[in-house]
Each structure stands twice: as C-alpha cells, then as structure tokens.
Amino acid sequence: MFGVWISEMERIWKSKSMLILYLIFILLLAANVWGGVLNGSGSLRFGAGRIELNNLNMPWFMMDGISLVLTLVVLPVIYVNQLSGEIHSGAYRLYVLRPFTRFQIWFSKLLALASTTVILIAFTFIFSMAAAWLLFPQADAMTLYGSNASVNVTKAIFYSFNFFGLFTLACLAKLMFCSVICLFISRPLVSFVAIFVLSLLIYRIAIDLVILSDPFQKILLALRPEGYSPFWIYSLGTLIICGLISFVKWQRKMV
C-alpha cells in the first residue's frame, strides 16, 4: 500500500495545474506578509481591536485571511481535482484493478491528500515564522487573544505552533467532508461549487460547523486557557462521521 501512497503523492505534486496553484498560494502568502510590513498593524475580523504586528503575533495574525483562502479555495481545489476529477474521468476504474482492496486504494488517496495538507500548512508555518523574525519588530512578550495577560517568547512561539496544529485538524475535517461530496458529485466544477456553498451554509445547522469554511476564530477560542470544547467536538466529529460515510460509499461505488 506504501507504493500506492507514493503514486498518489506523485500525481498530486507533479501535476502542472497543481504546481501553478501552489505558486499562486506562495505569492498570496508573500503579499500578505508584505502588506503587514507596510501597515505595521492590523485588525482581526472578529474583534480584539487593532494590534501592532511583531515577530510574535504576526504568524497567527496573518492566518486571519490565509486560513479563509486555504479552507474555502486552495485545499478544496486540490481535493476535488484528485477525487472528483479522477472519478469523473473514469480513471478510478483502473485503480480498482490493482491487487489492492478498495479500502487500501481509497485510504491511500485520502492519506496522500492529508499529507499534502500537512505539508502546505507546515510550509505556511515555516514561511510565516521566518518572515516574522526577519521583517517585523522584535518583541519580548505577547498578549494572547481573549486575554489581558502577556506571555514570554517561548509561550508565544508555542501558541503559534498550536494554532497551526489546530488549523491542520480543521483542514483534515474539511478533507473528509470534501471526500463525501466528491463521491456523490463527480463533476469537478459542480463538486467544487457544492463544497463551497455547503461550507458557507452548513454552519446554520450548527454554528460551530463554521470550521469548514472559516475556522480562524474557533481556533483562537480553543487556544484560550479555558479552551473551547465545541471546536474539538465538531472538528473530530466531522472527521470521523464523514470519514465513515466516505469509506462506505467508496466500497459500494460501481466500477
């Protein structure tokens, strides 16, 4: 099965359309950082007033916009291209002829997409941390979101690391959500539009399902000392429930 995973990773990273998407995303990251350098401060979409940017708060502050772009556009495009695209083209019929079970094939595809998600988020973290320490004023303390207390440099770095870790969890939940939609709607463009619209509307069923479209504030709430249990309930719940539906639907899909 390791060979199948390698094959899926190569398919994701050697695609010209995906390479263009990755380049566009890097340019967006660079533009976001440069905008922060020029402005020197910024306001969160969810309150907390205007804050002066420095090397400690910039890595997670920039995700106010970047997390929205990743969750609503960049990652769904990758998921749809690799799932709906191959189902619609009929390429998946060749996969099931391999000497692997259906479970192994689908698991390898989702694992490759999960790995790609982790790589993109890890790159974003490293990029933002490097830019923060090279381009922004140096600070020795930072005030956390929703708190008046300041933390030292070590805790501030750990805070940013935790933010990206929780964002990864939210994105993996989005992957499982997308895998379900892609199995029911095989046309890539229609599938992407359905994912986009449902991600914006589904939080009306439960407000905390907003993590499927805009997880930024919910992550900040989960990082508070008192925590925010709904983030864990809905992110892990979506990951597990959609994962089960995805695998069951794949097992029953006609060749």
C-alpha atoms as a PDB file:
ATOM      1  CA  MET A   1       0.000   0.000   0.000  1.00  0.00           C
ATOM      2  CA  PHE A   2       3.008   2.270   0.504  1.00  0.00           C
ATOM      3  CA  GLY A   3       3.572   2.141  -3.243  1.00  0.00           C
ATOM      4  CA  VAL A   4       0.008   3.319  -3.879  1.00  0.00           C
ATOM      5  CA  TRP A   5       0.524   6.243  -1.486  1.00  0.00           C
ATOM      6  CA  ILE A   6       3.767   7.221  -3.274  1.00  0.00           C
ATOM      7  CA  SER A   7       1.963   7.041  -6.608  1.00  0.00           C
ATOM      8  CA  GLU A   8      -0.806   9.316  -5.327  1.00  0.00           C
ATOM      9  CA  MET A   9       1.709  11.796  -3.905  1.00  0.00           C
ATOM     10  CA  GLU A  10       3.500  11.971  -7.256  1.00  0.00           C
ATOM     11  CA  ARG A  11       0.194  12.530  -9.034  1.00  0.00           C
ATOM     12  CA  ILE A  12      -0.619  15.436  -6.711  1.00  0.00           C
ATOM     13  CA  TRP A  13       2.766  17.146  -6.769  1.00  0.00           C
ATOM     14  CA  LYS A  14       3.732  16.620 -10.405  1.00  0.00           C
ATOM     15  CA  SER A  15       0.525  17.966 -11.890  1.00  0.00           C
ATOM     16  CA  LYS A  16       1.188  21.247 -13.735  1.00  0.00           C
ATOM     17  CA  SER A  17      -2.153  22.706 -12.662  1.00  0.00           C
ATOM     18  CA  MET A  18      -1.361  21.924  -9.028  1.00  0.00           C
ATOM     19  CA  LEU A  19       2.117  23.447  -9.316  1.00  0.00           C
ATOM     20  CA  ILE A  20       0.525  26.651 -10.618  1.00  0.00           C
ATOM     21  CA  LEU A  21      -1.902  26.606  -7.685  1.00  0.00           C
ATOM     22  CA  TYR A  22       0.967  26.179  -5.201  1.00  0.00           C
ATOM     23  CA  LEU A  23       2.837  29.088  -6.824  1.00  0.00           C
ATOM     24  CA  ILE A  24      -0.239  31.328  -6.590  1.00  0.00           C
ATOM     25  CA  PHE A  25      -0.617  30.398  -2.925  1.00  0.00           C
ATOM     26  CA  ILE A  26       3.026  31.270  -2.205  1.00  0.00           C
ATOM     27  CA  LEU A  27       2.520  34.642  -3.886  1.00  0.00           C
ATOM     28  CA  LEU A  28      -0.563  35.230  -1.719  1.00  0.00           C
ATOM     29  CA  LEU A  29       1.492  34.436   1.377  1.00  0.00           C
ATOM     30  CA  ALA A  30       4.201  36.842   0.291  1.00  0.00           C
ATOM     31  CA  ALA A  31       1.652  39.578  -0.476  1.00  0.00           C
ATOM     32  CA  ASN A  32       0.015  39.080   2.925  1.00  0.00           C
ATOM     33  CA  VAL A  33       3.352  39.380   4.715  1.00  0.00           C
ATOM     34  CA  TRP A  34       4.380  42.429   2.703  1.00  0.00           C
ATOM     35  CA  GLY A  35       1.060  44.098   3.457  1.00  0.00           C
ATOM     36  CA  GLY A  36       1.752  43.552   7.153  1.00  0.00           C
ATOM     37  CA  VAL A  37       5.210  45.069   6.782  1.00  0.00           C
ATOM     38  CA  LEU A  38       3.799  48.164   5.072  1.00  0.00           C
ATOM     39  CA  ASN A  39       0.901  48.670   7.517  1.00  0.00           C
ATOM     40  CA  GLY A  40       2.709  47.709  10.690  1.00  0.00           C
ATOM     41  CA  SER A  41      -0.608  46.850  12.353  1.00  0.00           C
ATOM     42  CA  GLY A  42      -3.908  45.163  11.635  1.00  0.00           C
ATOM     43  CA  SER A  43      -7.407  44.416  12.892  1.00  0.00           C
ATOM     44  CA  LEU A  44      -8.871  40.969  13.407  1.00  0.00           C
ATOM     45  CA  ARG A  45     -12.186  40.311  11.674  1.00  0.00           C
ATOM     46  CA  PHE A  46     -13.589  39.063  14.973  1.00  0.00           C
ATOM     47  CA  GLY A  47     -12.780  41.926  17.267  1.00  0.00           C
ATOM     48  CA  ALA A  48      -9.913  42.362  19.753  1.00  0.00           C
ATOM     49  CA  GLY A  49      -9.191  45.795  18.310  1.00  0.00           C
ATOM     50  CA  ARG A  50      -6.195  46.853  16.284  1.00  0.00           C
ATOM     51  CA  ILE A  51      -2.869  45.297  17.168  1.00  0.00           C
ATOM     52  CA  GLU A  52       0.698  46.278  16.383  1.00  0.00           C
ATOM     53  CA  LEU A  53       2.405  43.500  14.448  1.00  0.00           C
ATOM     54  CA  ASN A  54       5.637  41.995  15.695  1.00  0.00           C
ATOM     55  CA  ASN A  55       7.605  38.786  15.344  1.00  0.00           C
ATOM     56  CA  LEU A  56       5.485  37.016  17.972  1.00  0.00           C
ATOM     57  CA  ASN A  57       1.919  37.754  16.864  1.00  0.00           C
ATOM     58  CA  MET A  58       2.386  38.003  13.097  1.00  0.00           C
ATOM     59  CA  PRO A  59       2.485  34.197  12.366  1.00  0.00           C
ATOM     60  CA  TRP A  60      -1.019  33.573  13.669  1.00  0.00           C
ATOM     61  CA  PHE A  61      -2.416  37.026  12.842  1.00  0.00           C
ATOM     62  CA  MET A  62      -1.734  36.570   9.116  1.00  0.00           C
ATOM     63  CA  MET A  63      -3.885  33.437   9.200  1.00  0.00           C
ATOM     64  CA  ASP A  64      -6.942  35.637   9.710  1.00  0.00           C
ATOM     65  CA  GLY A  65      -7.101  35.865   5.924  1.00  0.00           C
ATOM     66  CA  ILE A  66      -4.895  32.998   4.761  1.00  0.00           C
ATOM     67  CA  SER A  67      -6.902  30.380   6.679  1.00  0.00           C
ATOM     68  CA  LEU A  68     -10.027  31.501   4.822  1.00  0.00           C
ATOM     69  CA  VAL A  69      -8.280  31.201   1.442  1.00  0.00           C
ATOM     70  CA  LEU A  70      -6.887  27.765   2.272  1.00  0.00           C
ATOM     71  CA  THR A  71     -10.114  26.336   3.704  1.00  0.00           C
ATOM     72  CA  LEU A  72     -12.527  27.715   1.097  1.00  0.00           C
ATOM     73  CA  VAL A  73     -10.457  27.656  -2.088  1.00  0.00           C
ATOM     74  CA  VAL A  74      -6.933  26.207  -2.219  1.00  0.00           C
ATOM     75  CA  LEU A  75      -7.454  22.913  -0.389  1.00  0.00           C
ATOM     76  CA  PRO A  76     -10.908  22.152  -1.906  1.00  0.00           C
ATOM     77  CA  VAL A  77      -9.428  22.676  -5.397  1.00  0.00           C
ATOM     78  CA  ILE A  78      -6.711  20.112  -4.621  1.00  0.00           C
ATOM     79  CA  TYR A  79      -9.228  17.667  -3.133  1.00  0.00           C
ATOM     80  CA  VAL A  80     -11.719  17.997  -5.987  1.00  0.00           C
ATOM     81  CA  ASN A  81      -9.007  17.658  -8.624  1.00  0.00           C
ATOM     82  CA  GLN A  82      -7.743  14.410  -7.128  1.00  0.00           C
ATOM     83  CA  LEU A  83     -11.090  12.900  -6.132  1.00  0.00           C
ATOM     84  CA  SER A  84     -13.919  14.130  -8.365  1.00  0.00           C
ATOM     85  CA  GLY A  85     -11.538  14.624 -11.280  1.00  0.00           C
ATOM     86  CA  GLU A  86     -10.436  11.003 -11.365  1.00  0.00           C
ATOM     87  CA  ILE A  87     -13.895   9.619 -10.645  1.00  0.00           C
ATOM     88  CA  HIS A  88     -15.468  11.706 -13.426  1.00  0.00           C
ATOM     89  CA  SER A  89     -12.746  10.744 -15.933  1.00  0.00           C
ATOM     90  CA  GLY A  90     -13.181   7.068 -15.091  1.00  0.00           C
ATOM     91  CA  ALA A  91      -9.527   6.722 -14.044  1.00  0.00           C
ATOM     92  CA  TYR A  92     -10.617   5.153 -10.749  1.00  0.00           C
ATOM     93  CA  ARG A  93     -11.725   2.068 -12.697  1.00  0.00           C
ATOM     94  CA  LEU A  94      -8.072   1.344 -13.424  1.00  0.00           C
ATOM     95  CA  TYR A  95      -7.197   1.684  -9.740  1.00  0.00           C
ATOM     96  CA  VAL A  96      -9.640  -0.984  -8.593  1.00  0.00           C
ATOM     97  CA  LEU A  97      -7.980  -3.438 -10.995  1.00  0.00           C
ATOM     98  CA  ARG A  98      -4.777  -3.226  -8.979  1.00  0.00           C
ATOM     99  CA  PRO A  99      -4.007  -6.010  -6.475  1.00  0.00           C
ATOM    100  CA  PHE A 100      -5.247  -3.908  -3.575  1.00  0.00           C
ATOM    101  CA  THR A 101      -8.532  -3.775  -1.733  1.00  0.00           C
ATOM    102  CA  ARG A 102     -10.892  -0.870  -2.310  1.00  0.00           C
ATOM    103  CA  PHE A 103     -10.197   0.258   1.247  1.00  0.00           C
ATOM    104  CA  GLN A 104      -6.448   0.387   0.606  1.00  0.00           C
ATOM    105  CA  ILE A 105      -6.886   2.387  -2.595  1.00  0.00           C
ATOM    106  CA  TRP A 106      -9.233   4.991  -1.100  1.00  0.00           C
ATOM    107  CA  PHE A 107      -7.224   5.179   2.118  1.00  0.00           C
ATOM    108  CA  SER A 108      -4.034   5.789   0.114  1.00  0.00           C
ATOM    109  CA  LYS A 109      -5.693   8.603  -1.847  1.00  0.00           C
ATOM    110  CA  LEU A 110      -7.000  10.283   1.289  1.00  0.00           C
ATOM    111  CA  LEU A 111      -3.690   9.746   3.084  1.00  0.00           C
ATOM    112  CA  ALA A 112      -1.838  11.395   0.181  1.00  0.00           C
ATOM    113  CA  LEU A 113      -4.223  14.360   0.312  1.00  0.00           C
ATOM    114  CA  ALA A 114      -3.862  14.541   4.106  1.00  0.00           C
ATOM    115  CA  SER A 115      -0.074  14.502   3.720  1.00  0.00           C
ATOM    116  CA  THR A 116      -0.270  17.269   1.133  1.00  0.00           C
ATOM    117  CA  THR A 117      -2.456  19.285   3.512  1.00  0.00           C
ATOM    118  CA  VAL A 118       0.074  18.895   6.323  1.00  0.00           C
ATOM    119  CA  ILE A 119       2.942  19.852   4.005  1.00  0.00           C
ATOM    120  CA  LEU A 120       1.168  23.025   2.841  1.00  0.00           C
ATOM    121  CA  ILE A 121       0.305  24.087   6.384  1.00  0.00           C
ATOM    122  CA  ALA A 122       3.815  23.259   7.638  1.00  0.00           C
ATOM    123  CA  PHE A 123       5.269  25.344   4.802  1.00  0.00           C
ATOM    124  CA  THR A 124       2.923  28.207   5.727  1.00  0.00           C
ATOM    125  CA  PHE A 125       4.049  27.986   9.350  1.00  0.00           C
ATOM    126  CA  ILE A 126       7.755  27.995   8.467  1.00  0.00           C
ATOM    127  CA  PHE A 127       7.281  30.792   5.925  1.00  0.00           C
ATOM    128  CA  SER A 128       5.338  32.979   8.354  1.00  0.00           C
ATOM    129  CA  MET A 129       7.736  32.336  11.250  1.00  0.00           C
ATOM    130  CA  ALA A 130      10.781  33.164   9.108  1.00  0.00           C
ATOM    131  CA  ALA A 131       9.134  36.315   7.735  1.00  0.00           C
ATOM    132  CA  ALA A 132       8.029  37.381  11.219  1.00  0.00           C
ATOM    133  CA  TRP A 133      11.506  37.150  12.700  1.00  0.00           C
ATOM    134  CA  LEU A 134      13.243  38.720   9.695  1.00  0.00           C
ATOM    135  CA  LEU A 135      10.864  41.531   8.731  1.00  0.00           C
ATOM    136  CA  PHE A 136       8.893  42.570  11.823  1.00  0.00           C
ATOM    137  CA  PRO A 137       9.856  44.391  15.046  1.00  0.00           C
ATOM    138  CA  GLN A 138      11.233  42.126  17.769  1.00  0.00           C
ATOM    139  CA  ALA A 139       9.133  41.776  20.929  1.00  0.00           C
ATOM    140  CA  ASP A 140       9.779  40.001  24.228  1.00  0.00           C
ATOM    141  CA  ALA A 141       6.109  39.457  25.160  1.00  0.00           C
ATOM    142  CA  MET A 142       2.724  38.978  23.500  1.00  0.00           C
ATOM    143  CA  THR A 143      -0.889  39.361  24.630  1.00  0.00           C
ATOM    144  CA  LEU A 144      -2.995  36.322  23.778  1.00  0.00           C
ATOM    145  CA  TYR A 145      -6.366  36.520  22.069  1.00  0.00           C
ATOM    146  CA  GLY A 146      -9.204  36.996  24.553  1.00  0.00           C
ATOM    147  CA  SER A 147      -6.828  37.672  27.425  1.00  0.00           C
ATOM    148  CA  ASN A 148      -5.123  40.643  29.035  1.00  0.00           C
ATOM    149  CA  ALA A 149      -2.212  38.540  30.206  1.00  0.00           C
ATOM    150  CA  SER A 150       1.130  38.629  28.399  1.00  0.00           C
ATOM    151  CA  VAL A 151       3.295  35.603  27.672  1.00  0.00           C
ATOM    152  CA  ASN A 152       7.018  35.328  27.030  1.00  0.00           C
ATOM    153  CA  VAL A 153       8.708  34.455  23.731  1.00  0.00           C
ATOM    154  CA  THR A 154       8.695  30.695  24.294  1.00  0.00           C
ATOM    155  CA  LYS A 155       4.983  30.572  25.064  1.00  0.00           C
ATOM    156  CA  ALA A 156       4.218  32.906  22.164  1.00  0.00           C
ATOM    157  CA  ILE A 157       6.016  30.585  19.727  1.00  0.00           C
ATOM    158  CA  PHE A 158       4.210  27.612  21.247  1.00  0.00           C
ATOM    159  CA  TYR A 159       0.916  29.486  20.794  1.00  0.00           C
ATOM    160  CA  SER A 160       1.582  29.928  17.064  1.00  0.00           C
ATOM    161  CA  PHE A 161       2.613  26.271  16.753  1.00  0.00           C
ATOM    162  CA  ASN A 162      -0.607  25.173  18.459  1.00  0.00           C
ATOM    163  CA  PHE A 163      -2.651  27.426  16.180  1.00  0.00           C
ATOM    164  CA  PHE A 164      -1.264  25.757  13.076  1.00  0.00           C
ATOM    165  CA  GLY A 165      -1.758  22.344  14.670  1.00  0.00           C
ATOM    166  CA  LEU A 166      -5.461  23.013  15.309  1.00  0.00           C
ATOM    167  CA  PHE A 167      -5.805  24.504  11.849  1.00  0.00           C
ATOM    168  CA  THR A 168      -4.432  21.255  10.433  1.00  0.00           C
ATOM    169  CA  LEU A 169      -7.125  19.340  12.319  1.00  0.00           C
ATOM    170  CA  ALA A 170      -9.830  21.620  10.869  1.00  0.00           C
ATOM    171  CA  CYS A 171      -8.429  21.111   7.364  1.00  0.00           C
ATOM    172  CA  LEU A 172      -8.395  17.330   7.739  1.00  0.00           C
ATOM    173  CA  ALA A 173     -12.059  17.536   8.759  1.00  0.00           C
ATOM    174  CA  LYS A 174     -12.630  19.572   5.571  1.00  0.00           C
ATOM    175  CA  LEU A 175     -10.850  16.850   3.572  1.00  0.00           C
ATOM    176  CA  MET A 176     -13.242  14.195   4.861  1.00  0.00           C
ATOM    177  CA  PHE A 177     -16.202  16.475   4.152  1.00  0.00           C
ATOM    178  CA  CYS A 178     -14.961  17.023   0.592  1.00  0.00           C
ATOM    179  CA  SER A 179     -14.383  13.299   0.041  1.00  0.00           C
ATOM    180  CA  VAL A 180     -18.061  12.631   0.735  1.00  0.00           C
ATOM    181  CA  ILE A 181     -19.254  15.349  -1.643  1.00  0.00           C
ATOM    182  CA  CYS A 182     -16.867  14.172  -4.368  1.00  0.00           C
ATOM    183  CA  LEU A 183     -18.247  10.634  -4.223  1.00  0.00           C
ATOM    184  CA  PHE A 184     -21.813  11.870  -4.662  1.00  0.00           C
ATOM    185  CA  ILE A 185     -20.993  14.599  -7.229  1.00  0.00           C
ATOM    186  CA  SER A 186     -18.318  13.506  -9.681  1.00  0.00           C
ATOM    187  CA  ARG A 187     -18.135  16.554 -11.970  1.00  0.00           C
ATOM    188  CA  PRO A 188     -15.182  18.584 -10.593  1.00  0.00           C
ATOM    189  CA  LEU A 189     -16.620  22.078 -11.124  1.00  0.00           C
ATOM    190  CA  VAL A 190     -20.055  21.145  -9.782  1.00  0.00           C
ATOM    191  CA  SER A 191     -18.419  19.358  -6.865  1.00  0.00           C
ATOM    192  CA  PHE A 192     -16.299  22.415  -6.000  1.00  0.00           C
ATOM    193  CA  VAL A 193     -19.309  24.734  -6.149  1.00  0.00           C
ATOM    194  CA  ALA A 194     -21.311  22.334  -3.958  1.00  0.00           C
ATOM    195  CA  ILE A 195     -18.487  22.167  -1.404  1.00  0.00           C
ATOM    196  CA  PHE A 196     -18.106  25.945  -1.430  1.00  0.00           C
ATOM    197  CA  VAL A 197     -21.831  26.614  -0.962  1.00  0.00           C
ATOM    198  CA  LEU A 198     -22.383  23.880   1.625  1.00  0.00           C
ATOM    199  CA  SER A 199     -19.359  25.040   3.619  1.00  0.00           C
ATOM    200  CA  LEU A 200     -20.903  28.505   3.836  1.00  0.00           C
ATOM    201  CA  LEU A 201     -24.410  27.276   4.671  1.00  0.00           C
ATOM    202  CA  ILE A 202     -23.898  24.248   6.898  1.00  0.00           C
ATOM    203  CA  TYR A 203     -22.929  26.319   9.937  1.00  0.00           C
ATOM    204  CA  ARG A 204     -26.575  27.425  10.071  1.00  0.00           C
ATOM    205  CA  ILE A 205     -27.327  23.889  11.238  1.00  0.00           C
ATOM    206  CA  ALA A 206     -24.712  24.218  13.977  1.00  0.00           C
ATOM    207  CA  ILE A 207     -22.760  27.451  14.323  1.00  0.00           C
ATOM    208  CA  ASP A 208     -19.511  25.650  15.150  1.00  0.00           C
ATOM    209  CA  LEU A 209     -19.517  23.921  11.757  1.00  0.00           C
ATOM    210  CA  VAL A 210     -18.161  27.248  10.540  1.00  0.00           C
ATOM    211  CA  ILE A 211     -14.798  25.494  10.896  1.00  0.00           C
ATOM    212  CA  LEU A 212     -15.488  24.028   7.431  1.00  0.00           C
ATOM    213  CA  SER A 213     -15.331  27.491   5.887  1.00  0.00           C
ATOM    214  CA  ASP A 214     -13.641  29.881   8.317  1.00  0.00           C
ATOM    215  CA  PRO A 215     -12.029  28.188  11.360  1.00  0.00           C
ATOM    216  CA  PHE A 216      -9.853  31.127  12.463  1.00  0.00           C
ATOM    217  CA  GLN A 217     -11.906  32.448  15.388  1.00  0.00           C
ATOM    218  CA  LYS A 218     -12.884  28.987  16.643  1.00  0.00           C
ATOM    219  CA  ILE A 219      -9.213  28.034  16.793  1.00  0.00           C
ATOM    220  CA  LEU A 220      -8.389  31.160  18.796  1.00  0.00           C
ATOM    221  CA  LEU A 221     -11.211  30.302  21.191  1.00  0.00           C
ATOM    222  CA  ALA A 222      -9.866  26.754  21.550  1.00  0.00           C
ATOM    223  CA  LEU A 223      -6.427  28.162  22.403  1.00  0.00           C
ATOM    224  CA  ARG A 224      -7.700  30.147  25.383  1.00  0.00           C
ATOM    225  CA  PRO A 225      -6.746  28.802  28.840  1.00  0.00           C
ATOM    226  CA  GLU A 226     -10.362  27.754  29.422  1.00  0.00           C
ATOM    227  CA  GLY A 227     -10.480  26.121  25.983  1.00  0.00           C
ATOM    228  CA  TYR A 228     -13.479  25.737  23.675  1.00  0.00           C
ATOM    229  CA  SER A 229     -14.837  22.181  23.598  1.00  0.00           C
ATOM    230  CA  PRO A 230     -17.218  22.696  20.607  1.00  0.00           C
ATOM    231  CA  PHE A 231     -14.176  23.090  18.339  1.00  0.00           C
ATOM    232  CA  TRP A 232     -12.963  19.620  19.282  1.00  0.00           C
ATOM    233  CA  ILE A 233     -16.426  18.082  19.150  1.00  0.00           C
ATOM    234  CA  TYR A 234     -17.255  19.381  15.680  1.00  0.00           C
ATOM    235  CA  SER A 235     -13.826  19.001  14.096  1.00  0.00           C
ATOM    236  CA  LEU A 236     -13.275  15.450  15.343  1.00  0.00           C
ATOM    237  CA  GLY A 237     -16.948  14.608  14.793  1.00  0.00           C
ATOM    238  CA  THR A 238     -16.805  15.782  11.168  1.00  0.00           C
ATOM    239  CA  LEU A 239     -13.540  13.918  10.639  1.00  0.00           C
ATOM    240  CA  ILE A 240     -14.943  10.632  11.955  1.00  0.00           C
ATOM    241  CA  ILE A 241     -18.505  10.772  10.595  1.00  0.00           C
ATOM    242  CA  CYS A 242     -17.565  11.997   7.118  1.00  0.00           C
ATOM    243  CA  GLY A 243     -14.668   9.545   7.051  1.00  0.00           C
ATOM    244  CA  LEU A 244     -17.014   6.625   7.727  1.00  0.00           C
ATOM    245  CA  ILE A 245     -19.508   7.809   5.096  1.00  0.00           C
ATOM    246  CA  SER A 246     -16.695   8.276   2.575  1.00  0.00           C
ATOM    247  CA  PHE A 247     -15.320   4.754   3.012  1.00  0.00           C
ATOM    248  CA  VAL A 248     -18.754   3.107   2.996  1.00  0.00           C
ATOM    249  CA  LYS A 249     -19.771   4.998  -0.161  1.00  0.00           C
ATOM    250  CA  TRP A 250     -16.480   4.102  -1.871  1.00  0.00           C
ATOM    251  CA  GLN A 251     -16.922   0.415  -1.066  1.00  0.00           C
ATOM    252  CA  ARG A 252     -20.350   0.455  -2.740  1.00  0.00           C
ATOM    253  CA  LYS A 253     -19.378   2.527  -5.767  1.00  0.00           C
ATOM    254  CA  MET A 254     -19.968   0.692  -9.024  1.00  0.00           C
ATOM    255  CA  VAL A 255     -16.999   0.188 -11.344  1.00  0.00           C
END
